[in-house]
Amino acid sequence: MWVYVLAIIVIIFDQISKALIVSRMALGESIEMIENVFYITSHRNTGAAWGIFAGQMTFFYIITVIVVAFIIYYIQKYAKDSKTLGVGLGLVLGGAIGNFIDRLFRKEVVDFFDIYIGTYDYPIFNIADSALVTGVILIFATTILDESKKKRGITS
C-alpha cells in the first residue's frame, strides 16, 4: 500500500541524513545556512522533544511499539477512505520508526536542524521529527474536517 511506501521514504531520507551528520560533523559543530535563522548543528538527544524523558530508552521502546501498532491498525482501517489521513499516518509511521532506529542502535537520536525565531533557539530536530509533526497536523486537520462534514450532513 502507498502509505507504507511513504513511511519507507521518510525512514530512508531520515537515516541517510543522520548518517551524513554523524560521519561528517563533530558533535556540537554548526554550519550556518541562513544567518541568525537556520543552521545545521550536530546534536544528540537521549530523550523526546525538548529533551524530556532523557535516557528513558525502555520507555521509548515500549511507547514506539504501541504507537507503530496503533498507526498500522489505523492505516489498515481508515487510510483507504482518505488520502490526506493516509499521508498523515504514513508520515507519523515513518517518523516514529526513523527515531526508533536511532534509539535502538545509537541509544540516542541524531538531530541537526537548528532554527532561531528571533532570539529563541528552537529545539534542534531532524527529518523524522518533521514528519511526525506534519503527520499529526494532517491527522488532526483531516479528523476535524471530517467531523465538521458529518455534523453538516456532507458526505465525501
C-alpha atoms as a PDB file:
ATOM      1  CA  MET A   1       0.000   0.000   0.000  1.00  0.00           C
ATOM      2  CA  TRP A   2       1.271   3.504  -0.873  1.00  0.00           C
ATOM      3  CA  VAL A   3       1.099   4.686   2.765  1.00  0.00           C
ATOM      4  CA  TYR A   4       3.848   2.226   3.688  1.00  0.00           C
ATOM      5  CA  VAL A   5       5.939   3.397   0.719  1.00  0.00           C
ATOM      6  CA  LEU A   6       5.671   6.955   2.072  1.00  0.00           C
ATOM      7  CA  ALA A   7       6.795   5.735   5.512  1.00  0.00           C
ATOM      8  CA  ILE A   8       9.769   3.925   3.954  1.00  0.00           C
ATOM      9  CA  ILE A   9      10.751   7.076   2.016  1.00  0.00           C
ATOM     10  CA  VAL A  10      10.700   9.085   5.267  1.00  0.00           C
ATOM     11  CA  ILE A  11      12.818   6.437   7.008  1.00  0.00           C
ATOM     12  CA  ILE A  12      15.361   6.343   4.171  1.00  0.00           C
ATOM     13  CA  PHE A  13      15.786  10.135   3.987  1.00  0.00           C
ATOM     14  CA  ASP A  14      15.893  10.362   7.781  1.00  0.00           C
ATOM     15  CA  GLN A  15      18.540   7.676   8.183  1.00  0.00           C
ATOM     16  CA  ILE A  16      20.696   8.919   5.290  1.00  0.00           C
ATOM     17  CA  SER A  17      20.641  12.489   6.658  1.00  0.00           C
ATOM     18  CA  LYS A  18      21.565  11.287  10.143  1.00  0.00           C
ATOM     19  CA  ALA A  19      24.387   9.097   8.809  1.00  0.00           C
ATOM     20  CA  LEU A  20      25.782  12.106   6.927  1.00  0.00           C
ATOM     21  CA  ILE A  21      25.657  14.272  10.054  1.00  0.00           C
ATOM     22  CA  VAL A  22      27.341  11.604  12.204  1.00  0.00           C
ATOM     23  CA  SER A  23      30.051  10.855   9.633  1.00  0.00           C
ATOM     24  CA  ARG A  24      30.842  14.418   8.532  1.00  0.00           C
ATOM     25  CA  MET A  25      30.311  16.658  11.535  1.00  0.00           C
ATOM     26  CA  ALA A  26      31.720  16.725  15.040  1.00  0.00           C
ATOM     27  CA  LEU A  27      29.197  16.716  17.855  1.00  0.00           C
ATOM     28  CA  GLY A  28      28.258  20.350  18.505  1.00  0.00           C
ATOM     29  CA  GLU A  29      29.616  21.563  15.158  1.00  0.00           C
ATOM     30  CA  SER A  30      27.328  24.039  13.419  1.00  0.00           C
ATOM     31  CA  ILE A  31      27.106  25.187   9.788  1.00  0.00           C
ATOM     32  CA  GLU A  32      25.325  28.458   9.076  1.00  0.00           C
ATOM     33  CA  MET A  33      22.743  28.139   6.307  1.00  0.00           C
ATOM     34  CA  ILE A  34      20.793  31.388   6.835  1.00  0.00           C
ATOM     35  CA  GLU A  35      22.443  33.853   9.210  1.00  0.00           C
ATOM     36  CA  ASN A  36      20.662  34.121  12.576  1.00  0.00           C
ATOM     37  CA  VAL A  37      17.848  31.843  11.332  1.00  0.00           C
ATOM     38  CA  PHE A  38      18.873  28.364  10.171  1.00  0.00           C
ATOM     39  CA  TYR A  39      21.887  26.202  10.992  1.00  0.00           C
ATOM     40  CA  ILE A  40      22.829  22.561  10.565  1.00  0.00           C
ATOM     41  CA  THR A  41      24.066  21.615  14.038  1.00  0.00           C
ATOM     42  CA  SER A  42      25.245  18.136  15.036  1.00  0.00           C
ATOM     43  CA  HIS A  43      23.312  17.310  18.206  1.00  0.00           C
ATOM     44  CA  ARG A  44      22.264  14.163  20.081  1.00  0.00           C
ATOM     45  CA  ASN A  45      19.147  13.665  22.183  1.00  0.00           C
ATOM     46  CA  THR A  46      18.552  10.782  24.592  1.00  0.00           C
ATOM     47  CA  GLY A  47      15.004  11.972  25.258  1.00  0.00           C
ATOM     48  CA  ALA A  48      11.971  13.152  23.348  1.00  0.00           C
ATOM     49  CA  ALA A  49      11.123  16.681  22.191  1.00  0.00           C
ATOM     50  CA  TRP A  50      12.933  19.336  24.210  1.00  0.00           C
ATOM     51  CA  GLY A  51      14.931  16.535  25.858  1.00  0.00           C
ATOM     52  CA  ILE A  52      12.057  15.356  28.069  1.00  0.00           C
ATOM     53  CA  PHE A  53      12.401  11.834  29.484  1.00  0.00           C
ATOM     54  CA  ALA A  54      16.129  11.874  28.714  1.00  0.00           C
ATOM     55  CA  GLY A  55      17.746   8.456  28.989  1.00  0.00           C
ATOM     56  CA  GLN A  56      14.454   6.546  29.287  1.00  0.00           C
ATOM     57  CA  MET A  57      15.132   4.156  26.396  1.00  0.00           C
ATOM     58  CA  THR A  58      12.922   1.323  27.683  1.00  0.00           C
ATOM     59  CA  PHE A  59      10.021   3.770  27.912  1.00  0.00           C
ATOM     60  CA  PHE A  60      10.626   4.892  24.310  1.00  0.00           C
ATOM     61  CA  TYR A  61      10.889   1.309  23.042  1.00  0.00           C
ATOM     62  CA  ILE A  62       7.542   0.386  24.606  1.00  0.00           C
ATOM     63  CA  ILE A  63       5.760   3.567  23.522  1.00  0.00           C
ATOM     64  CA  THR A  64       7.089   3.334  19.956  1.00  0.00           C
ATOM     65  CA  VAL A  65       5.952  -0.280  19.549  1.00  0.00           C
ATOM     66  CA  ILE A  66       2.478   0.666  20.816  1.00  0.00           C
ATOM     67  CA  VAL A  67       2.306   3.762  18.579  1.00  0.00           C
ATOM     68  CA  VAL A  68       3.503   1.842  15.497  1.00  0.00           C
ATOM     69  CA  ALA A  69       0.915  -0.921  16.111  1.00  0.00           C
ATOM     70  CA  PHE A  70      -1.804   1.704  16.550  1.00  0.00           C
ATOM     71  CA  ILE A  71      -0.776   3.525  13.351  1.00  0.00           C
ATOM     72  CA  ILE A  72      -0.704   0.314  11.312  1.00  0.00           C
ATOM     73  CA  TYR A  73      -4.194  -0.528  12.603  1.00  0.00           C
ATOM     74  CA  TYR A  74      -5.430   2.926  11.543  1.00  0.00           C
ATOM     75  CA  ILE A  75      -3.742   2.661   8.158  1.00  0.00           C
ATOM     76  CA  GLN A  76      -5.471  -0.662   7.510  1.00  0.00           C
ATOM     77  CA  LYS A  77      -8.837   0.585   8.727  1.00  0.00           C
ATOM     78  CA  TYR A  78      -9.028   4.222   7.532  1.00  0.00           C
ATOM     79  CA  ALA A  79      -6.278   5.192   5.072  1.00  0.00           C
ATOM     80  CA  LYS A  80      -8.181   3.758   2.105  1.00  0.00           C
ATOM     81  CA  ASP A  81     -11.006   6.260   2.693  1.00  0.00           C
ATOM     82  CA  SER A  82      -8.886   9.414   2.936  1.00  0.00           C
ATOM     83  CA  LYS A  83      -5.666  10.213   1.078  1.00  0.00           C
ATOM     84  CA  THR A  84      -4.877  13.072   3.480  1.00  0.00           C
ATOM     85  CA  LEU A  85      -5.320  10.827   6.509  1.00  0.00           C
ATOM     86  CA  GLY A  86      -3.161   8.212   4.776  1.00  0.00           C
ATOM     87  CA  VAL A  87      -0.393  10.762   4.181  1.00  0.00           C
ATOM     88  CA  GLY A  88      -0.557  11.842   7.813  1.00  0.00           C
ATOM     89  CA  LEU A  89      -0.418   8.263   9.071  1.00  0.00           C
ATOM     90  CA  GLY A  90       2.439   7.408   6.682  1.00  0.00           C
ATOM     91  CA  LEU A  91       4.454  10.402   7.869  1.00  0.00           C
ATOM     92  CA  VAL A  92       3.883   9.543  11.536  1.00  0.00           C
ATOM     93  CA  LEU A  93       4.793   5.904  10.921  1.00  0.00           C
ATOM     94  CA  GLY A  94       7.994   6.822   9.078  1.00  0.00           C
ATOM     95  CA  GLY A  95       8.971   9.407  11.680  1.00  0.00           C
ATOM     96  CA  ALA A  96       8.322   7.089  14.611  1.00  0.00           C
ATOM     97  CA  ILE A  97      10.350   4.282  13.041  1.00  0.00           C
ATOM     98  CA  GLY A  98      13.148   6.659  11.995  1.00  0.00           C
ATOM     99  CA  ASN A  99      13.713   7.837  15.553  1.00  0.00           C
ATOM    100  CA  PHE A 100      13.189   4.299  16.898  1.00  0.00           C
ATOM    101  CA  ILE A 101      16.068   3.059  14.721  1.00  0.00           C
ATOM    102  CA  ASP A 102      18.318   5.706  16.290  1.00  0.00           C
ATOM    103  CA  ARG A 103      17.278   4.797  19.821  1.00  0.00           C
ATOM    104  CA  LEU A 104      17.717   1.095  19.147  1.00  0.00           C
ATOM    105  CA  PHE A 105      21.156   1.258  17.507  1.00  0.00           C
ATOM    106  CA  ARG A 106      22.679   4.509  18.812  1.00  0.00           C
ATOM    107  CA  LYS A 107      20.898   4.819  22.187  1.00  0.00           C
ATOM    108  CA  GLU A 108      20.239   8.451  21.200  1.00  0.00           C
ATOM    109  CA  VAL A 109      18.562  10.388  18.401  1.00  0.00           C
ATOM    110  CA  VAL A 110      20.629  12.405  15.920  1.00  0.00           C
ATOM    111  CA  ASP A 111      19.225  15.909  15.492  1.00  0.00           C
ATOM    112  CA  PHE A 112      20.559  18.641  13.226  1.00  0.00           C
ATOM    113  CA  PHE A 113      18.004  21.244  12.063  1.00  0.00           C
ATOM    114  CA  ASP A 114      18.660  24.269  14.269  1.00  0.00           C
ATOM    115  CA  ILE A 115      16.180  27.146  13.862  1.00  0.00           C
ATOM    116  CA  TYR A 116      16.223  30.549  15.526  1.00  0.00           C
ATOM    117  CA  ILE A 117      12.991  32.502  15.793  1.00  0.00           C
ATOM    118  CA  GLY A 118      14.192  35.950  16.822  1.00  0.00           C
ATOM    119  CA  THR A 119      16.290  35.290  19.909  1.00  0.00           C
ATOM    120  CA  TYR A 120      14.598  31.951  20.622  1.00  0.00           C
ATOM    121  CA  ASP A 121      16.675  28.889  19.694  1.00  0.00           C
ATOM    122  CA  TYR A 122      14.029  26.282  18.800  1.00  0.00           C
ATOM    123  CA  PRO A 123      14.982  22.742  19.936  1.00  0.00           C
ATOM    124  CA  ILE A 124      17.145  21.024  17.337  1.00  0.00           C
ATOM    125  CA  PHE A 125      15.241  18.394  15.325  1.00  0.00           C
ATOM    126  CA  ASN A 126      15.539  16.004  12.368  1.00  0.00           C
ATOM    127  CA  ILE A 127      13.590  14.693   9.369  1.00  0.00           C
ATOM    128  CA  ALA A 128      11.747  12.080  11.450  1.00  0.00           C
ATOM    129  CA  ASP A 129      10.592  14.786  13.871  1.00  0.00           C
ATOM    130  CA  SER A 130       9.431  16.936  10.948  1.00  0.00           C
ATOM    131  CA  ALA A 131       7.476  14.003   9.501  1.00  0.00           C
ATOM    132  CA  LEU A 132       5.893  13.272  12.892  1.00  0.00           C
ATOM    133  CA  VAL A 133       4.745  16.850  13.431  1.00  0.00           C
ATOM    134  CA  THR A 134       3.479  17.267   9.853  1.00  0.00           C
ATOM    135  CA  GLY A 135       1.701  13.902  10.041  1.00  0.00           C
ATOM    136  CA  VAL A 136      -0.011  14.720  13.338  1.00  0.00           C
ATOM    137  CA  ILE A 137      -1.173  18.079  11.962  1.00  0.00           C
ATOM    138  CA  LEU A 138      -2.624  16.344   8.872  1.00  0.00           C
ATOM    139  CA  ILE A 139      -4.367  13.711  11.017  1.00  0.00           C
ATOM    140  CA  PHE A 140      -5.920  16.357  13.295  1.00  0.00           C
ATOM    141  CA  ALA A 141      -6.941  18.576  10.372  1.00  0.00           C
ATOM    142  CA  THR A 142      -8.485  15.652   8.495  1.00  0.00           C
ATOM    143  CA  THR A 143     -10.325  14.459  11.592  1.00  0.00           C
ATOM    144  CA  ILE A 144     -11.686  17.929  12.348  1.00  0.00           C
ATOM    145  CA  LEU A 145     -12.786  18.493   8.732  1.00  0.00           C
ATOM    146  CA  ASP A 146     -14.410  15.042   8.543  1.00  0.00           C
ATOM    147  CA  GLU A 147     -16.306  15.628  11.805  1.00  0.00           C
ATOM    148  CA  SER A 148     -17.412  19.043  10.583  1.00  0.00           C
ATOM    149  CA  LYS A 149     -18.710  17.497   7.354  1.00  0.00           C
ATOM    150  CA  LYS A 150     -20.578  14.806   9.293  1.00  0.00           C
ATOM    151  CA  LYS A 151     -22.252  17.421  11.512  1.00  0.00           C
ATOM    152  CA  ARG A 152     -23.375  19.347   8.420  1.00  0.00           C
ATOM    153  CA  GLY A 153     -24.538  16.180   6.704  1.00  0.00           C
ATOM    154  CA  ILE A 154     -21.977  16.339   3.907  1.00  0.00           C
ATOM    155  CA  THR A 155     -20.605  13.048   2.596  1.00  0.00           C
ATOM    156  CA  SER A 156     -17.384  12.653   0.643  1.00  0.00           C
END
